[in-house]
Amino acid sequence: METLLATHKERLNRGYAPFLIPGLLLFVLVIGLPFLMSIWTSFTKWNGVGPQKFVGFDNYIKAFGDTTFWASFTNNLLMIFAVTVVPGIIGLALAVFLFDYFSRRFSPGITAVVKAGIYLPQILPVAIAGIVWGWILDPNFGAFNGILRAVGLGDLAHDWLGSADTALLSVMAIMVWFQLGYPLVIFLAALQRVDPQVMEAAALDGANWWHRFRIVSYLIRPEILVVVLTTTVYALKLFGPIYVLTRGGPGHATIVPSYFAYQNFFEKANVGYGSAIATLMTLIILGLTILFLRVQAQQEKIEEV
């Protein structure tokens, strides 16, 4: 009987196989082949037209000795703090607050409006959000400087995106605002599977809000890992906000590897070097993904035991 069931399952799986072919072909054409071509190009000197000249690892050696590349990599690490760490912590605290306190004291409609308001930046196109923030932070006509002048703090008015001292911090603050809704929604969904009796028992035992927050954080660890992985990958390939807001400037104050690769591809016609930068960042992203997946698998094994 078991043999017949196994044979039946194998036949069903074979029946599904043809439906995977279109997706597989699309993956190969859109991702696989361009990725392999980019790796090959990273070993060449090429301006985008004409023959390619094979130079071996010269582009990679150049990247490791390039101060601009290391500046972009340092900025990328700071962007991880703005895209992953700060929104993750605030999003988790807001999710627990909305789930454990706010939703019990206000109507579902008000709670839904608050959730939607926090999540709204996530559904805005990056270009539109960047342009609006560029207007807000405009040094002459921006609303932010106008508010500072209106409340008597005109001395603090500043070219927030045009000054090397504040450009990166301004972009990081915008990314916190932009990214906050994503972890909030994931954590709120994760909290739906938490047994309410656990929280009620903790409250009866005298647990305060901080203790309940720690309990919930432990119970939704898989979702926390997912948020950390996806937002870290997003931060490492961040391009749109930088392109719209600062173009990597002033100087190299806000440049990141994705935009640095873009500059070499299209502005400097140094396609081989741009491909090397893109390949290095791809390898870093793949390594982090494998690391996160292994950590998650180990945690699942521990929970099964």
C-alpha atoms as a PDB file:
ATOM      1  CA  MET A   1       0.000   0.000   0.000  1.00  0.00           C
ATOM      2  CA  GLU A   2       2.791   2.402   0.919  1.00  0.00           C
ATOM      3  CA  THR A   3       4.571   1.542  -2.343  1.00  0.00           C
ATOM      4  CA  LEU A   4       1.443   2.376  -4.352  1.00  0.00           C
ATOM      5  CA  LEU A   5       1.058   5.700  -2.537  1.00  0.00           C
ATOM      6  CA  ALA A   6       4.701   6.578  -3.182  1.00  0.00           C
ATOM      7  CA  THR A   7       4.307   5.700  -6.894  1.00  0.00           C
ATOM      8  CA  HIS A   8       1.161   7.841  -7.087  1.00  0.00           C
ATOM      9  CA  LYS A   9       2.958  10.820  -5.521  1.00  0.00           C
ATOM     10  CA  GLU A  10       5.846  10.451  -7.982  1.00  0.00           C
ATOM     11  CA  ARG A  11       3.401  10.517 -10.905  1.00  0.00           C
ATOM     12  CA  LEU A  12       1.726  13.632  -9.522  1.00  0.00           C
ATOM     13  CA  ASN A  13       5.092  15.364  -9.113  1.00  0.00           C
ATOM     14  CA  ARG A  14       6.016  14.502 -12.688  1.00  0.00           C
ATOM     15  CA  GLY A  15       2.745  16.016 -13.829  1.00  0.00           C
ATOM     16  CA  TYR A  16       3.639  19.312 -12.194  1.00  0.00           C
ATOM     17  CA  ALA A  17       7.124  19.484 -13.705  1.00  0.00           C
ATOM     18  CA  PRO A  18       6.159  20.988 -17.113  1.00  0.00           C
ATOM     19  CA  PHE A  19       4.513  23.933 -15.374  1.00  0.00           C
ATOM     20  CA  LEU A  20       7.879  24.860 -13.839  1.00  0.00           C
ATOM     21  CA  ILE A  21       9.577  25.227 -17.224  1.00  0.00           C
ATOM     22  CA  PRO A  22       8.316  28.774 -18.070  1.00  0.00           C
ATOM     23  CA  GLY A  23       9.428  30.098 -14.692  1.00  0.00           C
ATOM     24  CA  LEU A  24      12.785  28.347 -15.003  1.00  0.00           C
ATOM     25  CA  LEU A  25      13.360  29.762 -18.484  1.00  0.00           C
ATOM     26  CA  LEU A  26      12.415  33.241 -17.291  1.00  0.00           C
ATOM     27  CA  PHE A  27      14.829  32.921 -14.362  1.00  0.00           C
ATOM     28  CA  VAL A  28      17.664  31.835 -16.655  1.00  0.00           C
ATOM     29  CA  LEU A  29      17.040  34.613 -19.188  1.00  0.00           C
ATOM     30  CA  VAL A  30      16.385  37.467 -16.745  1.00  0.00           C
ATOM     31  CA  ILE A  31      18.729  36.590 -13.856  1.00  0.00           C
ATOM     32  CA  GLY A  32      21.027  33.687 -14.681  1.00  0.00           C
ATOM     33  CA  LEU A  33      22.539  34.776 -17.998  1.00  0.00           C
ATOM     34  CA  PRO A  34      22.945  38.486 -17.071  1.00  0.00           C
ATOM     35  CA  PHE A  35      24.613  37.447 -13.828  1.00  0.00           C
ATOM     36  CA  LEU A  36      27.096  35.180 -15.634  1.00  0.00           C
ATOM     37  CA  MET A  37      27.739  37.896 -18.217  1.00  0.00           C
ATOM     38  CA  SER A  38      28.382  40.392 -15.424  1.00  0.00           C
ATOM     39  CA  ILE A  39      30.901  38.045 -13.806  1.00  0.00           C
ATOM     40  CA  TRP A  40      32.728  37.636 -17.110  1.00  0.00           C
ATOM     41  CA  THR A  41      32.694  41.391 -17.736  1.00  0.00           C
ATOM     42  CA  SER A  42      34.214  41.979 -14.299  1.00  0.00           C
ATOM     43  CA  PHE A  43      37.391  40.285 -15.563  1.00  0.00           C
ATOM     44  CA  THR A  44      37.655  42.627 -18.527  1.00  0.00           C
ATOM     45  CA  LYS A  45      38.329  46.254 -19.370  1.00  0.00           C
ATOM     46  CA  TRP A  46      35.394  47.477 -21.421  1.00  0.00           C
ATOM     47  CA  ASN A  47      33.689  50.794 -22.125  1.00  0.00           C
ATOM     48  CA  GLY A  48      30.387  49.224 -23.194  1.00  0.00           C
ATOM     49  CA  VAL A  49      31.088  49.105 -26.929  1.00  0.00           C
ATOM     50  CA  GLY A  50      33.713  47.386 -29.004  1.00  0.00           C
ATOM     51  CA  PRO A  51      35.892  44.444 -27.977  1.00  0.00           C
ATOM     52  CA  GLN A  52      36.507  43.493 -24.364  1.00  0.00           C
ATOM     53  CA  LYS A  53      40.065  43.225 -23.050  1.00  0.00           C
ATOM     54  CA  PHE A  54      40.651  40.461 -20.481  1.00  0.00           C
ATOM     55  CA  VAL A  55      42.520  41.852 -17.451  1.00  0.00           C
ATOM     56  CA  GLY A  56      42.058  39.053 -14.911  1.00  0.00           C
ATOM     57  CA  PHE A  57      41.581  40.212 -11.336  1.00  0.00           C
ATOM     58  CA  ASP A  58      42.738  43.776 -11.981  1.00  0.00           C
ATOM     59  CA  ASN A  59      39.272  45.239 -11.385  1.00  0.00           C
ATOM     60  CA  TYR A  60      38.958  43.442  -8.053  1.00  0.00           C
ATOM     61  CA  ILE A  61      42.426  44.543  -6.979  1.00  0.00           C
ATOM     62  CA  LYS A  62      41.502  48.091  -7.947  1.00  0.00           C
ATOM     63  CA  ALA A  63      38.283  47.879  -5.890  1.00  0.00           C
ATOM     64  CA  PHE A  64      40.094  46.763  -2.750  1.00  0.00           C
ATOM     65  CA  GLY A  65      42.481  49.693  -3.075  1.00  0.00           C
ATOM     66  CA  ASP A  66      39.832  52.250  -4.037  1.00  0.00           C
ATOM     67  CA  THR A  67      38.999  54.678  -1.228  1.00  0.00           C
ATOM     68  CA  THR A  68      35.691  55.562  -2.913  1.00  0.00           C
ATOM     69  CA  PHE A  69      34.634  51.917  -2.887  1.00  0.00           C
ATOM     70  CA  TRP A  70      35.440  51.596   0.819  1.00  0.00           C
ATOM     71  CA  ALA A  71      33.605  54.844   1.522  1.00  0.00           C
ATOM     72  CA  SER A  72      30.566  53.461  -0.298  1.00  0.00           C
ATOM     73  CA  PHE A  73      30.831  50.200   1.649  1.00  0.00           C
ATOM     74  CA  THR A  74      31.041  52.096   4.955  1.00  0.00           C
ATOM     75  CA  ASN A  75      27.961  54.115   4.009  1.00  0.00           C
ATOM     76  CA  ASN A  76      26.214  50.847   3.149  1.00  0.00           C
ATOM     77  CA  LEU A  77      26.878  49.511   6.651  1.00  0.00           C
ATOM     78  CA  LEU A  78      25.357  52.676   8.095  1.00  0.00           C
ATOM     79  CA  MET A  79      22.374  52.199   5.801  1.00  0.00           C
ATOM     80  CA  ILE A  80      21.872  48.733   7.287  1.00  0.00           C
ATOM     81  CA  PHE A  81      21.528  50.442  10.655  1.00  0.00           C
ATOM     82  CA  ALA A  82      18.907  52.807   9.182  1.00  0.00           C
ATOM     83  CA  VAL A  83      17.025  50.190   7.150  1.00  0.00           C
ATOM     84  CA  THR A  84      17.265  47.117   9.383  1.00  0.00           C
ATOM     85  CA  VAL A  85      18.197  47.887  12.979  1.00  0.00           C
ATOM     86  CA  VAL A  86      16.233  51.055  13.803  1.00  0.00           C
ATOM     87  CA  PRO A  87      13.028  50.207  11.864  1.00  0.00           C
ATOM     88  CA  GLY A  88      13.176  46.636  13.180  1.00  0.00           C
ATOM     89  CA  ILE A  89      13.382  47.688  16.825  1.00  0.00           C
ATOM     90  CA  ILE A  90      10.779  50.455  16.484  1.00  0.00           C
ATOM     91  CA  GLY A  91       8.533  48.238  14.358  1.00  0.00           C
ATOM     92  CA  LEU A  92       8.645  45.434  16.917  1.00  0.00           C
ATOM     93  CA  ALA A  93       7.889  47.819  19.781  1.00  0.00           C
ATOM     94  CA  LEU A  94       5.000  49.377  17.832  1.00  0.00           C
ATOM     95  CA  ALA A  95       3.634  45.952  16.875  1.00  0.00           C
ATOM     96  CA  VAL A  96       3.606  44.781  20.496  1.00  0.00           C
ATOM     97  CA  PHE A  97       2.083  48.095  21.602  1.00  0.00           C
ATOM     98  CA  LEU A  98      -0.685  47.945  18.985  1.00  0.00           C
ATOM     99  CA  PHE A  99      -1.357  44.269  19.682  1.00  0.00           C
ATOM    100  CA  ASP A 100      -1.133  44.264  23.468  1.00  0.00           C
ATOM    101  CA  TYR A 101      -2.404  47.727  24.393  1.00  0.00           C
ATOM    102  CA  PHE A 102      -3.799  49.926  21.630  1.00  0.00           C
ATOM    103  CA  SER A 103      -6.182  47.412  20.015  1.00  0.00           C
ATOM    104  CA  ARG A 104      -7.771  46.636  23.393  1.00  0.00           C
ATOM    105  CA  ARG A 105      -8.591  50.274  24.143  1.00  0.00           C
ATOM    106  CA  PHE A 106      -9.615  51.584  20.719  1.00  0.00           C
ATOM    107  CA  SER A 107     -12.001  50.406  18.049  1.00  0.00           C
ATOM    108  CA  PRO A 108     -10.803  48.180  15.182  1.00  0.00           C
ATOM    109  CA  GLY A 109     -11.379  51.074  12.761  1.00  0.00           C
ATOM    110  CA  ILE A 110      -9.053  53.454  14.604  1.00  0.00           C
ATOM    111  CA  THR A 111      -6.453  50.695  14.961  1.00  0.00           C
ATOM    112  CA  ALA A 112      -6.645  49.964  11.224  1.00  0.00           C
ATOM    113  CA  VAL A 113      -6.182  53.662  10.382  1.00  0.00           C
ATOM    114  CA  VAL A 114      -3.078  53.853  12.608  1.00  0.00           C
ATOM    115  CA  LYS A 115      -1.616  50.717  11.013  1.00  0.00           C
ATOM    116  CA  ALA A 116      -2.332  52.012   7.512  1.00  0.00           C
ATOM    117  CA  GLY A 117      -0.781  55.392   8.314  1.00  0.00           C
ATOM    118  CA  ILE A 118       2.431  53.771   9.505  1.00  0.00           C
ATOM    119  CA  TYR A 119       2.563  51.427   6.513  1.00  0.00           C
ATOM    120  CA  LEU A 120       1.743  54.120   3.927  1.00  0.00           C
ATOM    121  CA  PRO A 121       5.394  55.041   3.099  1.00  0.00           C
ATOM    122  CA  GLN A 122       6.028  51.426   2.072  1.00  0.00           C
ATOM    123  CA  ILE A 123       3.551  51.582  -0.799  1.00  0.00           C
ATOM    124  CA  LEU A 124       4.787  54.925  -2.114  1.00  0.00           C
ATOM    125  CA  PRO A 125       7.064  54.711  -5.173  1.00  0.00           C
ATOM    126  CA  VAL A 126      10.652  55.427  -4.173  1.00  0.00           C
ATOM    127  CA  ALA A 127      10.976  58.177  -6.781  1.00  0.00           C
ATOM    128  CA  ILE A 128       7.898  60.034  -5.541  1.00  0.00           C
ATOM    129  CA  ALA A 129       8.893  59.725  -1.881  1.00  0.00           C
ATOM    130  CA  GLY A 130      12.410  60.943  -2.708  1.00  0.00           C
ATOM    131  CA  ILE A 131      11.182  63.940  -4.675  1.00  0.00           C
ATOM    132  CA  VAL A 132       8.770  64.935  -1.887  1.00  0.00           C
ATOM    133  CA  TRP A 133      11.505  64.682   0.733  1.00  0.00           C
ATOM    134  CA  GLY A 134      13.789  66.693  -1.518  1.00  0.00           C
ATOM    135  CA  TRP A 135      11.167  69.457  -1.495  1.00  0.00           C
ATOM    136  CA  ILE A 136      10.718  69.219   2.267  1.00  0.00           C
ATOM    137  CA  LEU A 137      14.463  69.516   2.898  1.00  0.00           C
ATOM    138  CA  ASP A 138      15.114  72.170   0.251  1.00  0.00           C
ATOM    139  CA  PRO A 139      17.466  74.757   1.850  1.00  0.00           C
ATOM    140  CA  ASN A 140      15.558  77.789   0.520  1.00  0.00           C
ATOM    141  CA  PHE A 141      11.907  76.842   0.142  1.00  0.00           C
ATOM    142  CA  GLY A 142      11.674  73.560   2.080  1.00  0.00           C
ATOM    143  CA  ALA A 143       8.987  73.026   4.698  1.00  0.00           C
ATOM    144  CA  PHE A 144      11.430  71.765   7.317  1.00  0.00           C
ATOM    145  CA  ASN A 145      13.578  74.906   7.331  1.00  0.00           C
ATOM    146  CA  GLY A 146      10.389  76.968   7.129  1.00  0.00           C
ATOM    147  CA  ILE A 147       9.085  75.348  10.322  1.00  0.00           C
ATOM    148  CA  LEU A 148      12.407  75.979  12.070  1.00  0.00           C
ATOM    149  CA  ARG A 149      12.253  79.654  11.121  1.00  0.00           C
ATOM    150  CA  ALA A 150       8.603  79.910  12.158  1.00  0.00           C
ATOM    151  CA  VAL A 151       9.312  78.651  15.693  1.00  0.00           C
ATOM    152  CA  GLY A 152      12.343  80.877  16.172  1.00  0.00           C
ATOM    153  CA  LEU A 153      14.995  78.282  15.365  1.00  0.00           C
ATOM    154  CA  GLY A 154      16.115  79.824  12.103  1.00  0.00           C
ATOM    155  CA  ASP A 155      19.760  79.445  13.097  1.00  0.00           C
ATOM    156  CA  LEU A 156      19.315  75.671  12.716  1.00  0.00           C
ATOM    157  CA  ALA A 157      18.093  75.993   9.114  1.00  0.00           C
ATOM    158  CA  HIS A 158      20.486  74.056   6.936  1.00  0.00           C
ATOM    159  CA  ASP A 159      21.085  72.528   3.532  1.00  0.00           C
ATOM    160  CA  TRP A 160      20.358  69.068   4.898  1.00  0.00           C
ATOM    161  CA  LEU A 161      20.987  67.088   1.719  1.00  0.00           C
ATOM    162  CA  GLY A 162      23.624  69.409   0.271  1.00  0.00           C
ATOM    163  CA  SER A 163      26.030  69.436   3.212  1.00  0.00           C
ATOM    164  CA  ALA A 164      28.510  66.619   3.727  1.00  0.00           C
ATOM    165  CA  ASP A 165      27.950  66.815   7.494  1.00  0.00           C
ATOM    166  CA  THR A 166      24.216  66.099   7.368  1.00  0.00           C
ATOM    167  CA  ALA A 167      23.483  64.465   3.996  1.00  0.00           C
ATOM    168  CA  LEU A 168      24.015  60.873   5.105  1.00  0.00           C
ATOM    169  CA  LEU A 169      22.136  61.358   8.392  1.00  0.00           C
ATOM    170  CA  SER A 170      19.248  62.952   6.494  1.00  0.00           C
ATOM    171  CA  VAL A 171      19.041  60.034   4.054  1.00  0.00           C
ATOM    172  CA  MET A 172      19.211  57.572   6.968  1.00  0.00           C
ATOM    173  CA  ALA A 173      16.346  59.362   8.732  1.00  0.00           C
ATOM    174  CA  ILE A 174      14.279  59.233   5.539  1.00  0.00           C
ATOM    175  CA  MET A 175      14.983  55.508   5.183  1.00  0.00           C
ATOM    176  CA  VAL A 176      13.811  54.864   8.755  1.00  0.00           C
ATOM    177  CA  TRP A 177      10.531  56.623   7.904  1.00  0.00           C
ATOM    178  CA  PHE A 178      10.273  54.772   4.598  1.00  0.00           C
ATOM    179  CA  GLN A 179      11.069  51.311   5.985  1.00  0.00           C
ATOM    180  CA  LEU A 180       9.169  51.334   9.294  1.00  0.00           C
ATOM    181  CA  GLY A 181       5.913  49.905   7.950  1.00  0.00           C
ATOM    182  CA  TYR A 182       7.453  46.672   6.631  1.00  0.00           C
ATOM    183  CA  PRO A 183       8.631  45.122   9.933  1.00  0.00           C
ATOM    184  CA  LEU A 184       5.483  46.418  11.644  1.00  0.00           C
ATOM    185  CA  VAL A 185       3.201  44.471   9.296  1.00  0.00           C
ATOM    186  CA  ILE A 186       5.316  41.304   9.480  1.00  0.00           C
ATOM    187  CA  PHE A 187       5.438  41.399  13.279  1.00  0.00           C
ATOM    188  CA  LEU A 188       1.717  42.125  13.590  1.00  0.00           C
ATOM    189  CA  ALA A 189       1.012  39.098  11.409  1.00  0.00           C
ATOM    190  CA  ALA A 190       3.381  37.015  13.536  1.00  0.00           C
ATOM    191  CA  LEU A 191       1.643  38.092  16.738  1.00  0.00           C
ATOM    192  CA  GLN A 192      -1.612  36.602  15.460  1.00  0.00           C
ATOM    193  CA  ARG A 193      -0.192  33.121  16.013  1.00  0.00           C
ATOM    194  CA  VAL A 194       0.885  33.850  19.596  1.00  0.00           C
ATOM    195  CA  ASP A 195      -1.419  32.144  22.086  1.00  0.00           C
ATOM    196  CA  PRO A 196      -3.281  34.914  23.987  1.00  0.00           C
ATOM    197  CA  GLN A 197      -3.176  32.740  27.105  1.00  0.00           C
ATOM    198  CA  VAL A 198       0.595  33.182  27.208  1.00  0.00           C
ATOM    199  CA  MET A 199       0.240  36.949  27.483  1.00  0.00           C
ATOM    200  CA  GLU A 200      -2.634  36.654  29.965  1.00  0.00           C
ATOM    201  CA  ALA A 201      -0.594  34.291  32.149  1.00  0.00           C
ATOM    202  CA  ALA A 202       2.360  36.690  32.014  1.00  0.00           C
ATOM    203  CA  ALA A 203       0.104  39.593  33.048  1.00  0.00           C
ATOM    204  CA  LEU A 204      -1.358  37.564  35.936  1.00  0.00           C
ATOM    205  CA  ASP A 205       2.169  36.766  37.101  1.00  0.00           C
ATOM    206  CA  GLY A 206       2.873  40.496  37.326  1.00  0.00           C
ATOM    207  CA  ALA A 207       4.894  40.875  34.111  1.00  0.00           C
ATOM    208  CA  ASN A 208       5.157  44.501  33.029  1.00  0.00           C
ATOM    209  CA  TRP A 209       5.155  45.719  29.429  1.00  0.00           C
ATOM    210  CA  TRP A 210       8.903  45.224  29.041  1.00  0.00           C
ATOM    211  CA  HIS A 211       8.680  41.599  30.211  1.00  0.00           C
ATOM    212  CA  ARG A 212       5.775  40.900  27.828  1.00  0.00           C
ATOM    213  CA  PHE A 213       7.781  42.543  25.022  1.00  0.00           C
ATOM    214  CA  ARG A 214      10.680  40.158  25.663  1.00  0.00           C
ATOM    215  CA  ILE A 215       8.329  37.163  25.729  1.00  0.00           C
ATOM    216  CA  VAL A 216       6.759  38.132  22.416  1.00  0.00           C
ATOM    217  CA  SER A 217      10.174  38.793  20.840  1.00  0.00           C
ATOM    218  CA  TYR A 218      11.231  35.266  21.759  1.00  0.00           C
ATOM    219  CA  LEU A 219       8.055  33.697  20.379  1.00  0.00           C
ATOM    220  CA  ILE A 220       8.308  35.366  16.962  1.00  0.00           C
ATOM    221  CA  ARG A 221      12.007  34.801  16.362  1.00  0.00           C
ATOM    222  CA  PRO A 222      11.480  33.221  12.889  1.00  0.00           C
ATOM    223  CA  GLU A 223       9.711  36.343  11.656  1.00  0.00           C
ATOM    224  CA  ILE A 224      12.404  38.548  13.160  1.00  0.00           C
ATOM    225  CA  LEU A 225      15.055  36.619  11.226  1.00  0.00           C
ATOM    226  CA  VAL A 226      13.054  37.006   8.014  1.00  0.00           C
ATOM    227  CA  VAL A 227      12.794  40.772   8.516  1.00  0.00           C
ATOM    228  CA  VAL A 228      16.506  41.073   9.322  1.00  0.00           C
ATOM    229  CA  LEU A 229      17.481  39.073   6.237  1.00  0.00           C
ATOM    230  CA  THR A 230      15.198  40.831   3.751  1.00  0.00           C
ATOM    231  CA  THR A 231      15.911  44.345   4.993  1.00  0.00           C
ATOM    232  CA  THR A 232      19.666  43.715   5.117  1.00  0.00           C
ATOM    233  CA  VAL A 233      19.618  42.531   1.506  1.00  0.00           C
ATOM    234  CA  TYR A 234      17.554  45.594   0.582  1.00  0.00           C
ATOM    235  CA  ALA A 235      20.041  47.887   2.333  1.00  0.00           C
ATOM    236  CA  LEU A 236      23.012  46.297   0.573  1.00  0.00           C
ATOM    237  CA  LYS A 237      21.490  46.893  -2.866  1.00  0.00           C
ATOM    238  CA  LEU A 238      20.000  50.297  -2.025  1.00  0.00           C
ATOM    239  CA  PHE A 239      19.952  52.514  -5.088  1.00  0.00           C
ATOM    240  CA  GLY A 240      16.680  54.366  -5.717  1.00  0.00           C
ATOM    241  CA  PRO A 241      16.645  56.731  -2.708  1.00  0.00           C
ATOM    242  CA  ILE A 242      20.299  57.658  -3.219  1.00  0.00           C
ATOM    243  CA  TYR A 243      19.747  58.342  -6.916  1.00  0.00           C
ATOM    244  CA  VAL A 244      16.696  60.527  -6.307  1.00  0.00           C
ATOM    245  CA  LEU A 245      17.894  62.404  -3.225  1.00  0.00           C
ATOM    246  CA  THR A 246      21.635  63.013  -3.491  1.00  0.00           C
ATOM    247  CA  ARG A 247      23.224  61.175  -6.455  1.00  0.00           C
ATOM    248  CA  GLY A 248      25.867  59.988  -3.998  1.00  0.00           C
ATOM    249  CA  GLY A 249      26.875  63.521  -3.027  1.00  0.00           C
ATOM    250  CA  PRO A 250      27.923  65.912  -1.893  1.00  0.00           C
ATOM    251  CA  GLY A 251      31.260  64.486  -2.887  1.00  0.00           C
ATOM    252  CA  HIS A 252      31.093  60.864  -1.769  1.00  0.00           C
ATOM    253  CA  ALA A 253      29.173  61.548   1.441  1.00  0.00           C
ATOM    254  CA  THR A 254      26.181  59.352   0.555  1.00  0.00           C
ATOM    255  CA  ILE A 255      27.574  57.071  -2.127  1.00  0.00           C
ATOM    256  CA  VAL A 256      26.786  53.360  -1.809  1.00  0.00           C
ATOM    257  CA  PRO A 257      28.152  50.400  -3.826  1.00  0.00           C
ATOM    258  CA  SER A 258      25.048  50.097  -6.019  1.00  0.00           C
ATOM    259  CA  TYR A 259      25.256  53.731  -7.060  1.00  0.00           C
ATOM    260  CA  PHE A 260      29.051  53.546  -7.387  1.00  0.00           C
ATOM    261  CA  ALA A 261      28.611  50.607  -9.766  1.00  0.00           C
ATOM    262  CA  TYR A 262      25.986  52.608 -11.688  1.00  0.00           C
ATOM    263  CA  GLN A 263      28.403  55.529 -12.004  1.00  0.00           C
ATOM    264  CA  ASN A 264      31.071  53.279 -13.480  1.00  0.00           C
ATOM    265  CA  PHE A 265      28.594  51.575 -15.790  1.00  0.00           C
ATOM    266  CA  PHE A 266      26.884  54.609 -17.298  1.00  0.00           C
ATOM    267  CA  GLU A 267      28.683  57.819 -16.334  1.00  0.00           C
ATOM    268  CA  LYS A 268      32.324  56.762 -16.568  1.00  0.00           C
ATOM    269  CA  ALA A 269      31.888  53.996 -19.197  1.00  0.00           C
ATOM    270  CA  ASN A 270      34.032  51.703 -17.061  1.00  0.00           C
ATOM    271  CA  VAL A 271      31.780  48.665 -17.354  1.00  0.00           C
ATOM    272  CA  GLY A 272      34.348  46.102 -16.224  1.00  0.00           C
ATOM    273  CA  TYR A 273      35.024  47.892 -12.950  1.00  0.00           C
ATOM    274  CA  GLY A 274      31.316  48.440 -12.352  1.00  0.00           C
ATOM    275  CA  SER A 275      30.690  44.733 -12.910  1.00  0.00           C
ATOM    276  CA  ALA A 276      33.407  43.859 -10.385  1.00  0.00           C
ATOM    277  CA  ILE A 277      31.742  46.054  -7.742  1.00  0.00           C
ATOM    278  CA  ALA A 278      28.331  44.526  -8.497  1.00  0.00           C
ATOM    279  CA  THR A 279      29.792  41.003  -8.314  1.00  0.00           C
ATOM    280  CA  LEU A 280      31.441  41.686  -4.950  1.00  0.00           C
ATOM    281  CA  MET A 281      28.162  42.949  -3.491  1.00  0.00           C
ATOM    282  CA  THR A 282      26.309  39.937  -4.916  1.00  0.00           C
ATOM    283  CA  LEU A 283      28.748  37.572  -3.220  1.00  0.00           C
ATOM    284  CA  ILE A 284      28.322  39.435   0.085  1.00  0.00           C
ATOM    285  CA  ILE A 285      24.525  39.204  -0.207  1.00  0.00           C
ATOM    286  CA  LEU A 286      24.677  35.479  -1.024  1.00  0.00           C
ATOM    287  CA  GLY A 287      26.988  34.863   1.924  1.00  0.00           C
ATOM    288  CA  LEU A 288      24.703  36.710   4.339  1.00  0.00           C
ATOM    289  CA  THR A 289      21.661  34.861   2.988  1.00  0.00           C
ATOM    290  CA  ILE A 290      23.308  31.477   3.517  1.00  0.00           C
ATOM    291  CA  LEU A 291      24.363  32.503   7.028  1.00  0.00           C
ATOM    292  CA  PHE A 292      20.843  33.645   7.978  1.00  0.00           C
ATOM    293  CA  LEU A 293      19.275  30.483   6.545  1.00  0.00           C
ATOM    294  CA  ARG A 294      21.658  28.296   8.532  1.00  0.00           C
ATOM    295  CA  VAL A 295      20.882  30.192  11.738  1.00  0.00           C
ATOM    296  CA  GLN A 296      17.168  29.787  11.103  1.00  0.00           C
ATOM    297  CA  ALA A 297      17.563  26.069  10.379  1.00  0.00           C
ATOM    298  CA  GLN A 298      19.521  25.571  13.607  1.00  0.00           C
ATOM    299  CA  GLN A 299      16.830  27.368  15.596  1.00  0.00           C
ATOM    300  CA  GLU A 300      14.131  25.180  14.054  1.00  0.00           C
ATOM    301  CA  LYS A 301      16.085  22.058  15.017  1.00  0.00           C
ATOM    302  CA  ILE A 302      16.425  23.334  18.595  1.00  0.00           C
ATOM    303  CA  GLU A 303      12.684  24.008  18.797  1.00  0.00           C
ATOM    304  CA  GLU A 304      11.878  20.528  17.467  1.00  0.00           C
ATOM    305  CA  VAL A 305      14.027  18.970  20.188  1.00  0.00           C
END
